């Protein structure tokens, strides 16, 4: 059975009984941008074959590096089906 809860400020969140949800891999937060700035980010992102979100992340990392701030790279989640446990098919 799946329960869906909805708040006024977010998209639906799904919880499954007896299954713990893993932590999100990235921190989500609202960001208000000037429309002209967002349009410029979209243009640059399209030229680099990235999403606007990925382009914002790249720009932030570049700006922090320019200031001498070291930012570690988080472990990326493994994609695909997890390997079968021994004895299972």
Protein backbone atom coordinates (compact mmCIF):
# COMPACT_ATOMS: atom_id res chain seq x y z
CA UNK A 1 0.00 0.00 0.00
CA UNK A 2 1.31 3.44 -0.89
CA UNK A 3 0.30 6.57 0.96
CA UNK A 4 0.66 9.91 -0.80
CA UNK A 5 0.89 13.09 1.19
CA UNK A 6 0.84 16.53 -0.35
CA UNK A 7 1.68 19.86 1.19
CA UNK A 8 0.81 23.22 -0.27
CA UNK A 9 4.45 23.92 -1.06
CA UNK A 10 5.76 20.71 -2.56
CA UNK A 11 5.16 17.93 -5.01
CA UNK A 12 3.68 14.65 -3.74
CA UNK A 13 5.91 12.52 -1.55
CA UNK A 14 5.43 8.77 -1.65
CA UNK A 15 6.02 6.54 1.34
CA UNK A 16 5.81 2.76 1.18
CA UNK A 17 5.00 0.72 4.26
CA UNK A 18 7.92 -1.17 5.80
CA UNK A 19 10.40 0.45 3.41
CA UNK A 20 12.72 3.22 4.53
CA UNK A 21 13.23 5.91 1.94
CA UNK A 22 16.87 6.69 1.21
CA UNK A 23 18.16 10.19 1.79
CA UNK A 24 17.90 12.49 -1.21
CA UNK A 25 21.19 12.77 -3.03
CA UNK A 26 20.92 16.53 -3.49
CA UNK A 27 19.57 19.32 -1.36
CA UNK A 28 16.47 20.87 -2.93
CA UNK A 29 15.50 24.47 -2.22
CA UNK A 30 13.59 27.22 -4.03
CA UNK A 31 15.68 29.79 -5.84
CA UNK A 32 14.28 33.05 -7.16
CA UNK A 33 16.12 34.42 -10.18
CA UNK A 34 15.67 37.39 -12.43
CA UNK A 35 14.02 36.08 -15.64
CA UNK A 36 16.81 37.53 -17.81
CA UNK A 37 19.44 35.77 -15.68
CA UNK A 38 17.56 32.47 -15.92
CA UNK A 39 17.27 32.85 -19.70
CA UNK A 40 21.03 33.37 -19.92
CA UNK A 41 21.63 30.27 -17.76
CA UNK A 42 19.33 28.26 -20.03
CA UNK A 43 21.22 29.42 -23.14
CA UNK A 44 24.60 28.49 -21.68
CA UNK A 45 23.22 25.18 -20.40
CA UNK A 46 21.83 24.29 -23.83
CA UNK A 47 25.19 25.08 -25.44
CA UNK A 48 26.88 22.71 -22.94
CA UNK A 49 24.13 20.05 -23.25
CA UNK A 50 23.17 20.46 -19.58
CA UNK A 51 19.98 21.20 -17.71
CA UNK A 52 19.59 24.66 -16.21
CA UNK A 53 19.88 23.07 -12.75
CA UNK A 54 23.18 21.36 -13.64
CA UNK A 55 24.46 24.62 -15.14
CA UNK A 56 23.70 26.53 -11.94
CA UNK A 57 25.63 23.88 -10.00
CA UNK A 58 28.61 24.18 -12.38
CA UNK A 59 28.57 27.98 -12.14
CA UNK A 60 28.44 27.86 -8.34
CA UNK A 61 31.34 25.39 -8.19
CA UNK A 62 33.39 27.58 -10.56
CA UNK A 63 32.66 30.70 -8.51
CA UNK A 64 33.63 28.97 -5.25
CA UNK A 65 36.84 27.59 -6.82
CA UNK A 66 37.73 31.09 -8.04
CA UNK A 67 37.39 32.30 -4.43
CA UNK A 68 39.59 29.47 -3.19
CA UNK A 69 36.82 27.51 -1.50
CA UNK A 70 37.32 23.76 -1.76
CA UNK A 71 34.14 21.79 -2.40
CA UNK A 72 34.25 18.03 -2.19
CA UNK A 73 32.43 15.95 -4.74
CA UNK A 74 29.71 13.81 -3.19
CA UNK A 75 29.48 10.15 -4.06
CA UNK A 76 27.05 9.71 -6.93
CA UNK A 77 24.32 7.14 -6.45
CA UNK A 78 24.80 3.88 -8.29
CA UNK A 79 22.45 3.49 -11.23
CA UNK A 80 20.67 0.39 -12.40
CA UNK A 81 19.53 -2.72 -10.67
CA UNK A 82 21.45 -3.75 -7.56
CA UNK A 83 23.39 -7.00 -7.83
CA UNK A 84 21.50 -10.14 -6.82
CA UNK A 85 22.26 -11.50 -3.39
CA UNK A 86 24.01 -14.83 -3.30
CA UNK A 87 21.50 -17.69 -3.59
CA UNK A 88 18.85 -15.54 -5.34
CA UNK A 89 18.06 -15.60 -9.03
